Amino acid sequence: MTYIVVLFALVGAGMLFSAMDRKIDRVERRIRLMERRQELILRHLGIEEVDAPDLREINELVRQGKKIQAIKAYRELTGAGLKEAKEAVERLPGNV
């Protein structure tokens, strides 16, 4: 009998964590979408970020096809995480 209770508790916990994980994924996707829309609006209006980092070196690395070095340089310059830096570098003009 005790095993059944433990089994049900584990299954319930697993379902709860799975549901929370799906909800977190949805929220993260919505945040990324909102950030992208914000970027598009600012670009359309011709507004640049006030504290925008100088990306000349990173743009040059992208033009040279050195994507990994560009991501590393972006991370060092901005303190961004790997995923964020990769996405930012992929959005730069000249990226192939």
PDB file of N, CA and C in Angstrom:
ATOM      1  N   MET A   1       0.817  -1.195   0.000  1.00  0.00           N
ATOM      2  CA  MET A   1       0.000   0.000   0.000  1.00  0.00           C
ATOM      3  C   MET A   1       0.867   1.268   0.000  1.00  0.00           C
ATOM      4  N   THR A   2       1.924   1.265   0.798  1.00  0.00           N
ATOM      5  CA  THR A   2       2.817   2.426   0.882  1.00  0.00           C
ATOM      6  C   THR A   2       3.469   2.698  -0.461  1.00  0.00           C
ATOM      7  N   TYR A   3       3.823   1.647  -1.178  1.00  0.00           N
ATOM      8  CA  TYR A   3       4.456   1.815  -2.486  1.00  0.00           C
ATOM      9  C   TYR A   3       3.525   2.522  -3.472  1.00  0.00           C
ATOM     10  N   ILE A   4       2.264   2.194  -3.377  1.00  0.00           N
ATOM     11  CA  ILE A   4       1.291   2.807  -4.272  1.00  0.00           C
ATOM     12  C   ILE A   4       1.178   4.307  -3.986  1.00  0.00           C
ATOM     13  N   VAL A   5       1.150   4.674  -2.717  1.00  0.00           N
ATOM     14  CA  VAL A   5       1.071   6.084  -2.333  1.00  0.00           C
ATOM     15  C   VAL A   5       2.311   6.828  -2.828  1.00  0.00           C
ATOM     16  N   VAL A   6       3.482   6.222  -2.636  1.00  0.00           N
ATOM     17  CA  VAL A   6       4.730   6.837  -3.092  1.00  0.00           C
ATOM     18  C   VAL A   6       4.719   6.959  -4.611  1.00  0.00           C
ATOM     19  N   LEU A   7       4.265   5.935  -5.291  1.00  0.00           N
ATOM     20  CA  LEU A   7       4.199   5.954  -6.747  1.00  0.00           C
ATOM     21  C   LEU A   7       3.285   7.075  -7.236  1.00  0.00           C
ATOM     22  N   PHE A   8       2.108   7.197  -6.631  1.00  0.00           N
ATOM     23  CA  PHE A   8       1.186   8.266  -7.006  1.00  0.00           C
ATOM     24  C   PHE A   8       1.787   9.644  -6.716  1.00  0.00           C
ATOM     25  N   ALA A   9       2.485   9.774  -5.604  1.00  0.00           N
ATOM     26  CA  ALA A   9       3.121  11.053  -5.265  1.00  0.00           C
ATOM     27  C   ALA A   9       4.185  11.398  -6.292  1.00  0.00           C
ATOM     28  N   LEU A  10       4.979  10.425  -6.715  1.00  0.00           N
ATOM     29  CA  LEU A  10       6.022  10.666  -7.708  1.00  0.00           C
ATOM     30  C   LEU A  10       5.430  11.033  -9.067  1.00  0.00           C
ATOM     31  N   VAL A  11       4.391  10.321  -9.453  1.00  0.00           N
ATOM     32  CA  VAL A  11       3.735  10.621 -10.726  1.00  0.00           C
ATOM     33  C   VAL A  11       3.123  12.022 -10.684  1.00  0.00           C
ATOM     34  N   GLY A  12       2.479  12.349  -9.577  1.00  0.00           N
ATOM     35  CA  GLY A  12       1.884  13.677  -9.428  1.00  0.00           C
ATOM     36  C   GLY A  12       2.940  14.772  -9.480  1.00  0.00           C
ATOM     37  N   ALA A  13       4.057  14.544  -8.798  1.00  0.00           N
ATOM     38  CA  ALA A  13       5.146  15.530  -8.814  1.00  0.00           C
ATOM     39  C   ALA A  13       5.709  15.672 -10.225  1.00  0.00           C
ATOM     40  N   GLY A  14       5.859  14.561 -10.911  1.00  0.00           N
ATOM     41  CA  GLY A  14       6.364  14.597 -12.285  1.00  0.00           C
ATOM     42  C   GLY A  14       5.433  15.379 -13.198  1.00  0.00           C
ATOM     43  N   MET A  15       4.145  15.170 -13.048  1.00  0.00           N
ATOM     44  CA  MET A  15       3.174  15.894 -13.869  1.00  0.00           C
ATOM     45  C   MET A  15       3.210  17.390 -13.548  1.00  0.00           C
ATOM     46  N   LEU A  16       3.355  17.715 -12.259  1.00  0.00           N
ATOM     47  CA  LEU A  16       3.415  19.109 -11.851  1.00  0.00           C
ATOM     48  C   LEU A  16       4.642  19.798 -12.447  1.00  0.00           C
ATOM     49  N   PHE A  17       5.805  19.148 -12.344  1.00  0.00           N
ATOM     50  CA  PHE A  17       7.026  19.727 -12.893  1.00  0.00           C
ATOM     51  C   PHE A  17       6.957  19.844 -14.410  1.00  0.00           C
ATOM     52  N   SER A  18       6.347  18.873 -15.049  1.00  0.00           N
ATOM     53  CA  SER A  18       6.199  18.919 -16.500  1.00  0.00           C
ATOM     54  C   SER A  18       5.319  20.100 -16.908  1.00  0.00           C
ATOM     55  N   ALA A  19       4.235  20.299 -16.196  1.00  0.00           N
ATOM     56  CA  ALA A  19       3.335  21.414 -16.499  1.00  0.00           C
ATOM     57  C   ALA A  19       4.042  22.746 -16.262  1.00  0.00           C
ATOM     58  N   MET A  20       4.808  22.843 -15.185  1.00  0.00           N
ATOM     59  CA  MET A  20       5.543  24.077 -14.895  1.00  0.00           C
ATOM     60  C   MET A  20       6.588  24.340 -15.971  1.00  0.00           C
ATOM     61  N   ASP A  21       7.250  23.300 -16.424  1.00  0.00           N
ATOM     62  CA  ASP A  21       8.273  23.443 -17.461  1.00  0.00           C
ATOM     63  C   ASP A  21       7.658  23.955 -18.764  1.00  0.00           C
ATOM     64  N   ARG A  22       6.499  23.417 -19.140  1.00  0.00           N
ATOM     65  CA  ARG A  22       5.816  23.878 -20.344  1.00  0.00           C
ATOM     66  C   ARG A  22       5.400  25.338 -20.214  1.00  0.00           C
ATOM     67  N   LYS A  23       4.917  25.714 -19.029  1.00  0.00           N
ATOM     68  CA  LYS A  23       4.507  27.100 -18.797  1.00  0.00           C
ATOM     69  C   LYS A  23       5.712  28.033 -18.887  1.00  0.00           C
ATOM     70  N   ILE A  24       6.829  27.646 -18.314  1.00  0.00           N
ATOM     71  CA  ILE A  24       8.048  28.450 -18.382  1.00  0.00           C
ATOM     72  C   ILE A  24       8.495  28.605 -19.823  1.00  0.00           C
ATOM     73  N   ASP A  25       8.440  27.532 -20.598  1.00  0.00           N
ATOM     74  CA  ASP A  25       8.809  27.599 -22.016  1.00  0.00           C
ATOM     75  C   ASP A  25       7.927  28.596 -22.764  1.00  0.00           C
ATOM     76  N   ARG A  26       6.625  28.560 -22.497  1.00  0.00           N
ATOM     77  CA  ARG A  26       5.704  29.501 -23.160  1.00  0.00           C
ATOM     78  C   ARG A  26       6.037  30.946 -22.788  1.00  0.00           C
ATOM     79  N   VAL A  27       6.302  31.173 -21.516  1.00  0.00           N
ATOM     80  CA  VAL A  27       6.627  32.532 -21.066  1.00  0.00           C
ATOM     81  C   VAL A  27       7.927  33.004 -21.713  1.00  0.00           C
ATOM     82  N   GLU A  28       8.932  32.133 -21.766  1.00  0.00           N
ATOM     83  CA  GLU A  28      10.209  32.502 -22.389  1.00  0.00           C
ATOM     84  C   GLU A  28      10.020  32.823 -23.872  1.00  0.00           C
ATOM     85  N   ARG A  29       9.193  32.044 -24.572  1.00  0.00           N
ATOM     86  CA  ARG A  29       8.929  32.322 -25.985  1.00  0.00           C
ATOM     87  C   ARG A  29       8.242  33.670 -26.152  1.00  0.00           C
ATOM     88  N   ARG A  30       7.289  33.971 -25.267  1.00  0.00           N
ATOM     89  CA  ARG A  30       6.586  35.257 -25.354  1.00  0.00           C
ATOM     90  C   ARG A  30       7.529  36.418 -25.073  1.00  0.00           C
ATOM     91  N   ILE A  31       8.429  36.244 -24.122  1.00  0.00           N
ATOM     92  CA  ILE A  31       9.394  37.301 -23.817  1.00  0.00           C
ATOM     93  C   ILE A  31      10.298  37.540 -25.015  1.00  0.00           C
ATOM     94  N   ARG A  32      10.802  36.454 -25.629  1.00  0.00           N
ATOM     95  CA  ARG A  32      11.659  36.615 -26.813  1.00  0.00           C
ATOM     96  C   ARG A  32      10.908  37.322 -27.933  1.00  0.00           C
ATOM     97  N   LEU A  33       9.644  36.976 -28.136  1.00  0.00           N
ATOM     98  CA  LEU A  33       8.827  37.615 -29.165  1.00  0.00           C
ATOM     99  C   LEU A  33       8.651  39.100 -28.861  1.00  0.00           C
ATOM    100  N   MET A  34       8.366  39.427 -27.613  1.00  0.00           N
ATOM    101  CA  MET A  34       8.188  40.823 -27.232  1.00  0.00           C
ATOM    102  C   MET A  34       9.490  41.607 -27.401  1.00  0.00           C
ATOM    103  N   GLU A  35      10.620  40.998 -27.040  1.00  0.00           N
ATOM    104  CA  GLU A  35      11.902  41.668 -27.214  1.00  0.00           C
ATOM    105  C   GLU A  35      12.182  41.921 -28.693  1.00  0.00           C
ATOM    106  N   ARG A  36      11.886  40.938 -29.520  1.00  0.00           N
ATOM    107  CA  ARG A  36      12.099  41.085 -30.967  1.00  0.00           C
ATOM    108  C   ARG A  36      11.216  42.198 -31.530  1.00  0.00           C
ATOM    109  N   ARG A  37       9.952  42.229 -31.099  1.00  0.00           N
ATOM    110  CA  ARG A  37       9.049  43.287 -31.561  1.00  0.00           C
ATOM    111  C   ARG A  37       9.545  44.654 -31.111  1.00  0.00           C
ATOM    112  N   GLN A  38      10.024  44.726 -29.890  1.00  0.00           N
ATOM    113  CA  GLN A  38      10.565  45.989 -29.387  1.00  0.00           C
ATOM    114  C   GLN A  38      11.753  46.438 -30.234  1.00  0.00           C
ATOM    115  N   GLU A  39      12.635  45.498 -30.562  1.00  0.00           N
ATOM    116  CA  GLU A  39      13.776  45.821 -31.413  1.00  0.00           C
ATOM    117  C   GLU A  39      13.320  46.344 -32.772  1.00  0.00           C
ATOM    118  N   LEU A  40      12.321  45.696 -33.363  1.00  0.00           N
ATOM    119  CA  LEU A  40      11.816  46.130 -34.665  1.00  0.00           C
ATOM    120  C   LEU A  40      11.207  47.524 -34.598  1.00  0.00           C
ATOM    121  N   ILE A  41      10.456  47.787 -33.540  1.00  0.00           N
ATOM    122  CA  ILE A  41       9.834  49.104 -33.384  1.00  0.00           C
ATOM    123  C   ILE A  41      10.909  50.177 -33.235  1.00  0.00           C
ATOM    124  N   LEU A  42      11.894  49.922 -32.376  1.00  0.00           N
ATOM    125  CA  LEU A  42      12.965  50.895 -32.179  1.00  0.00           C
ATOM    126  C   LEU A  42      13.732  51.132 -33.477  1.00  0.00           C
ATOM    127  N   ARG A  43      14.012  50.061 -34.210  1.00  0.00           N
ATOM    128  CA  ARG A  43      14.731  50.208 -35.486  1.00  0.00           C
ATOM    129  C   ARG A  43      13.887  51.001 -36.473  1.00  0.00           C
ATOM    130  N   HIS A  44      12.587  50.705 -36.540  1.00  0.00           N
ATOM    131  CA  HIS A  44      11.693  51.411 -37.452  1.00  0.00           C
ATOM    132  C   HIS A  44      11.644  52.908 -37.132  1.00  0.00           C
ATOM    133  N   LEU A  45      11.671  53.237 -35.849  1.00  0.00           N
ATOM    134  CA  LEU A  45      11.616  54.634 -35.428  1.00  0.00           C
ATOM    135  C   LEU A  45      12.984  55.309 -35.476  1.00  0.00           C
ATOM    136  N   GLY A  46      14.019  54.521 -35.753  1.00  0.00           N
ATOM    137  CA  GLY A  46      15.363  55.086 -35.829  1.00  0.00           C
ATOM    138  C   GLY A  46      15.964  55.388 -34.470  1.00  0.00           C
ATOM    139  N   ILE A  47      15.485  54.694 -33.447  1.00  0.00           N
ATOM    140  CA  ILE A  47      15.977  54.911 -32.089  1.00  0.00           C
ATOM    141  C   ILE A  47      17.001  53.835 -31.767  1.00  0.00           C
ATOM    142  N   GLU A  48      18.166  54.285 -31.313  1.00  0.00           N
ATOM    143  CA  GLU A  48      19.202  53.339 -30.916  1.00  0.00           C
ATOM    144  C   GLU A  48      19.217  53.243 -29.403  1.00  0.00           C
ATOM    145  N   GLU A  49      19.652  52.098 -28.913  1.00  0.00           N
ATOM    146  CA  GLU A  49      19.794  51.927 -27.473  1.00  0.00           C
ATOM    147  C   GLU A  49      20.765  52.950 -26.935  1.00  0.00           C
ATOM    148  N   VAL A  50      20.461  53.486 -25.789  1.00  0.00           N
ATOM    149  CA  VAL A  50      21.328  54.494 -25.186  1.00  0.00           C
ATOM    150  C   VAL A  50      22.677  53.890 -24.817  1.00  0.00           C
ATOM    151  N   ASP A  51      22.651  52.739 -24.216  1.00  0.00           N
ATOM    152  CA  ASP A  51      23.879  52.083 -23.779  1.00  0.00           C
ATOM    153  C   ASP A  51      24.281  50.964 -24.734  1.00  0.00           C
ATOM    154  N   ALA A  52      23.998  51.136 -26.012  1.00  0.00           N
ATOM    155  CA  ALA A  52      24.312  50.105 -26.988  1.00  0.00           C
ATOM    156  C   ALA A  52      25.831  49.926 -27.077  1.00  0.00           C
ATOM    157  N   PRO A  53      26.294  48.684 -26.999  1.00  0.00           N
ATOM    158  CA  PRO A  53      27.733  48.444 -27.086  1.00  0.00           C
ATOM    159  C   PRO A  53      28.247  48.698 -28.504  1.00  0.00           C
ATOM    160  N   ASP A  54      29.519  48.996 -28.606  1.00  0.00           N
ATOM    161  CA  ASP A  54      30.161  49.216 -29.902  1.00  0.00           C
ATOM    162  C   ASP A  54      30.423  47.847 -30.532  1.00  0.00           C
ATOM    163  N   LEU A  55      29.688  47.547 -31.577  1.00  0.00           N
ATOM    164  CA  LEU A  55      29.744  46.212 -32.188  1.00  0.00           C
ATOM    165  C   LEU A  55      30.624  46.165 -33.434  1.00  0.00           C
ATOM    166  N   ARG A  56      31.437  47.186 -33.658  1.00  0.00           N
ATOM    167  CA  ARG A  56      32.252  47.197 -34.879  1.00  0.00           C
ATOM    168  C   ARG A  56      33.149  45.965 -34.981  1.00  0.00           C
ATOM    169  N   GLU A  57      33.831  45.629 -33.887  1.00  0.00           N
ATOM    170  CA  GLU A  57      34.720  44.459 -33.909  1.00  0.00           C
ATOM    171  C   GLU A  57      33.927  43.189 -34.189  1.00  0.00           C
ATOM    172  N   ILE A  58      32.763  43.081 -33.572  1.00  0.00           N
ATOM    173  CA  ILE A  58      31.925  41.891 -33.753  1.00  0.00           C
ATOM    174  C   ILE A  58      31.397  41.838 -35.181  1.00  0.00           C
ATOM    175  N   ASN A  59      30.978  42.969 -35.716  1.00  0.00           N
ATOM    176  CA  ASN A  59      30.527  43.011 -37.112  1.00  0.00           C
ATOM    177  C   ASN A  59      31.641  42.581 -38.061  1.00  0.00           C
ATOM    178  N   GLU A  60      32.843  43.014 -37.781  1.00  0.00           N
ATOM    179  CA  GLU A  60      33.982  42.632 -38.625  1.00  0.00           C
ATOM    180  C   GLU A  60      34.226  41.126 -38.550  1.00  0.00           C
ATOM    181  N   LEU A  61      34.141  40.557 -37.360  1.00  0.00           N
ATOM    182  CA  LEU A  61      34.314  39.104 -37.220  1.00  0.00           C
ATOM    183  C   LEU A  61      33.230  38.360 -38.001  1.00  0.00           C
ATOM    184  N   VAL A  62      32.003  38.866 -37.959  1.00  0.00           N
ATOM    185  CA  VAL A  62      30.906  38.239 -38.708  1.00  0.00           C
ATOM    186  C   VAL A  62      31.193  38.315 -40.203  1.00  0.00           C
ATOM    187  N   ARG A  63      31.640  39.470 -40.676  1.00  0.00           N
ATOM    188  CA  ARG A  63      31.953  39.618 -42.105  1.00  0.00           C
ATOM    189  C   ARG A  63      33.069  38.671 -42.536  1.00  0.00           C
ATOM    190  N   GLN A  64      33.994  38.372 -41.632  1.00  0.00           N
ATOM    191  CA  GLN A  64      35.093  37.461 -41.936  1.00  0.00           C
ATOM    192  C   GLN A  64      34.682  35.991 -41.805  1.00  0.00           C
ATOM    193  N   GLY A  65      33.433  35.771 -41.396  1.00  0.00           N
ATOM    194  CA  GLY A  65      32.954  34.401 -41.238  1.00  0.00           C
ATOM    195  C   GLY A  65      33.401  33.753 -39.938  1.00  0.00           C
ATOM    196  N   LYS A  66      33.833  34.540 -38.975  1.00  0.00           N
ATOM    197  CA  LYS A  66      34.313  34.018 -37.688  1.00  0.00           C
ATOM    198  C   LYS A  66      33.201  34.149 -36.647  1.00  0.00           C
ATOM    199  N   LYS A  67      32.181  33.344 -36.844  1.00  0.00           N
ATOM    200  CA  LYS A  67      30.980  33.442 -36.018  1.00  0.00           C
ATOM    201  C   LYS A  67      31.260  33.105 -34.550  1.00  0.00           C
ATOM    202  N   ILE A  68      32.018  32.061 -34.300  1.00  0.00           N
ATOM    203  CA  ILE A  68      32.302  31.654 -32.920  1.00  0.00           C
ATOM    204  C   ILE A  68      33.076  32.747 -32.190  1.00  0.00           C
ATOM    205  N   GLN A  69      34.071  33.331 -32.863  1.00  0.00           N
ATOM    206  CA  GLN A  69      34.833  34.416 -32.246  1.00  0.00           C
ATOM    207  C   GLN A  69      33.935  35.634 -32.004  1.00  0.00           C
ATOM    208  N   ALA A  70      33.004  35.874 -32.928  1.00  0.00           N
ATOM    209  CA  ALA A  70      32.069  36.996 -32.774  1.00  0.00           C
ATOM    210  C   ALA A  70      31.171  36.782 -31.559  1.00  0.00           C
ATOM    211  N   ILE A  71      30.691  35.559 -31.378  1.00  0.00           N
ATOM    212  CA  ILE A  71      29.846  35.242 -30.219  1.00  0.00           C
ATOM    213  C   ILE A  71      30.643  35.441 -28.933  1.00  0.00           C
ATOM    214  N   LYS A  72      31.872  34.955 -28.924  1.00  0.00           N
ATOM    215  CA  LYS A  72      32.724  35.110 -27.738  1.00  0.00           C
ATOM    216  C   LYS A  72      32.962  36.588 -27.441  1.00  0.00           C
ATOM    217  N   ALA A  73      33.272  37.366 -28.466  1.00  0.00           N
ATOM    218  CA  ALA A  73      33.514  38.798 -28.282  1.00  0.00           C
ATOM    219  C   ALA A  73      32.243  39.498 -27.785  1.00  0.00           C
ATOM    220  N   TYR A  74      31.096  39.112 -28.315  1.00  0.00           N
ATOM    221  CA  TYR A  74      29.823  39.702 -27.888  1.00  0.00           C
ATOM    222  C   TYR A  74      29.575  39.415 -26.414  1.00  0.00           C
ATOM    223  N   ARG A  75      29.831  38.180 -26.002  1.00  0.00           N
ATOM    224  CA  ARG A  75      29.643  37.806 -24.601  1.00  0.00           C
ATOM    225  C   ARG A  75      30.558  38.609 -23.693  1.00  0.00           C
ATOM    226  N   GLU A  76      31.802  38.784 -24.108  1.00  0.00           N
ATOM    227  CA  GLU A  76      32.756  39.541 -23.295  1.00  0.00           C
ATOM    228  C   GLU A  76      32.349  41.012 -23.205  1.00  0.00           C
ATOM    229  N   LEU A  77      31.847  41.547 -24.299  1.00  0.00           N
ATOM    230  CA  LEU A  77      31.482  42.961 -24.354  1.00  0.00           C
ATOM    231  C   LEU A  77      30.219  43.267 -23.557  1.00  0.00           C
ATOM    232  N   THR A  78      29.245  42.369 -23.642  1.00  0.00           N
ATOM    233  CA  THR A  78      27.933  42.663 -23.053  1.00  0.00           C
ATOM    234  C   THR A  78      27.630  41.893 -21.777  1.00  0.00           C
ATOM    235  N   GLY A  79      28.350  40.807 -21.528  1.00  0.00           N
ATOM    236  CA  GLY A  79      28.037  39.974 -20.368  1.00  0.00           C
ATOM    237  C   GLY A  79      26.854  39.049 -20.626  1.00  0.00           C
ATOM    238  N   ALA A  80      26.458  38.914 -21.882  1.00  0.00           N
ATOM    239  CA  ALA A  80      25.318  38.072 -22.263  1.00  0.00           C
ATOM    240  C   ALA A  80      25.675  36.596 -22.117  1.00  0.00           C
ATOM    241  N   GLY A  81      24.651  35.786 -21.991  1.00  0.00           N
ATOM    242  CA  GLY A  81      24.833  34.347 -21.967  1.00  0.00           C
ATOM    243  C   GLY A  81      25.077  33.825 -23.374  1.00  0.00           C
ATOM    244  N   LEU A  82      25.434  32.557 -23.464  1.00  0.00           N
ATOM    245  CA  LEU A  82      25.770  31.961 -24.757  1.00  0.00           C
ATOM    246  C   LEU A  82      24.610  32.027 -25.739  1.00  0.00           C
ATOM    247  N   LYS A  83      23.427  31.630 -25.297  1.00  0.00           N
ATOM    248  CA  LYS A  83      22.269  31.597 -26.202  1.00  0.00           C
ATOM    249  C   LYS A  83      21.919  33.007 -26.688  1.00  0.00           C
ATOM    250  N   GLU A  84      21.894  33.968 -25.755  1.00  0.00           N
ATOM    251  CA  GLU A  84      21.570  35.343 -26.119  1.00  0.00           C
ATOM    252  C   GLU A  84      22.606  35.914 -27.089  1.00  0.00           C
ATOM    253  N   ALA A  85      23.883  35.635 -26.821  1.00  0.00           N
ATOM    254  CA  ALA A  85      24.947  36.134 -27.693  1.00  0.00           C
ATOM    255  C   ALA A  85      24.838  35.516 -29.080  1.00  0.00           C
ATOM    256  N   LYS A  86      24.559  34.219 -29.147  1.00  0.00           N
ATOM    257  CA  LYS A  86      24.430  33.538 -30.442  1.00  0.00           C
ATOM    258  C   LYS A  86      23.283  34.150 -31.245  1.00  0.00           C
ATOM    259  N   GLU A  87      22.147  34.366 -30.583  1.00  0.00           N
ATOM    260  CA  GLU A  87      20.996  34.943 -31.278  1.00  0.00           C
ATOM    261  C   GLU A  87      21.293  36.366 -31.748  1.00  0.00           C
ATOM    262  N   ALA A  88      21.990  37.140 -30.917  1.00  0.00           N
ATOM    263  CA  ALA A  88      22.312  38.527 -31.283  1.00  0.00           C
ATOM    264  C   ALA A  88      23.262  38.554 -32.479  1.00  0.00           C
ATOM    265  N   VAL A  89      24.268  37.694 -32.477  1.00  0.00           N
ATOM    266  CA  VAL A  89      25.223  37.651 -33.578  1.00  0.00           C
ATOM    267  C   VAL A  89      24.545  37.196 -34.860  1.00  0.00           C
ATOM    268  N   GLU A  90      23.623  36.253 -34.750  1.00  0.00           N
ATOM    269  CA  GLU A  90      22.914  35.762 -35.936  1.00  0.00           C
ATOM    270  C   GLU A  90      22.016  36.851 -36.534  1.00  0.00           C
ATOM    271  N   ARG A  91      21.594  37.823 -35.752  1.00  0.00           N
ATOM    272  CA  ARG A  91      20.753  38.913 -36.258  1.00  0.00           C
ATOM    273  C   ARG A  91      21.564  40.027 -36.905  1.00  0.00           C
ATOM    274  N   LEU A  92      22.879  40.013 -36.717  1.00  0.00           N
ATOM    275  CA  LEU A  92      23.708  41.087 -37.275  1.00  0.00           C
ATOM    276  C   LEU A  92      23.726  41.016 -38.794  1.00  0.00           C
ATOM    277  N   PRO A  93      23.805  42.177 -39.456  1.00  0.00           N
ATOM    278  CA  PRO A  93      23.874  42.177 -40.915  1.00  0.00           C
ATOM    279  C   PRO A  93      25.188  41.522 -41.372  1.00  0.00           C
ATOM    280  N   GLY A  94      25.118  40.840 -42.487  1.00  0.00           N
ATOM    281  CA  GLY A  94      26.309  40.180 -43.029  1.00  0.00           C
ATOM    282  C   GLY A  94      26.489  38.771 -42.521  1.00  0.00           C
ATOM    283  N   ASN A  95      25.629  38.340 -41.605  1.00  0.00           N
ATOM    284  CA  ASN A  95      25.724  36.980 -41.072  1.00  0.00           C
ATOM    285  C   ASN A  95      25.194  35.998 -42.104  1.00  0.00           C
ATOM    286  N   VAL A  96      25.964  34.962 -42.338  1.00  0.00           N
ATOM    287  CA  VAL A  96      25.572  33.969 -43.344  1.00  0.00           C
ATOM    288  C   VAL A  96      25.157  32.690 -42.685  1.00  0.00           C
TER     289      VAL A  96
END
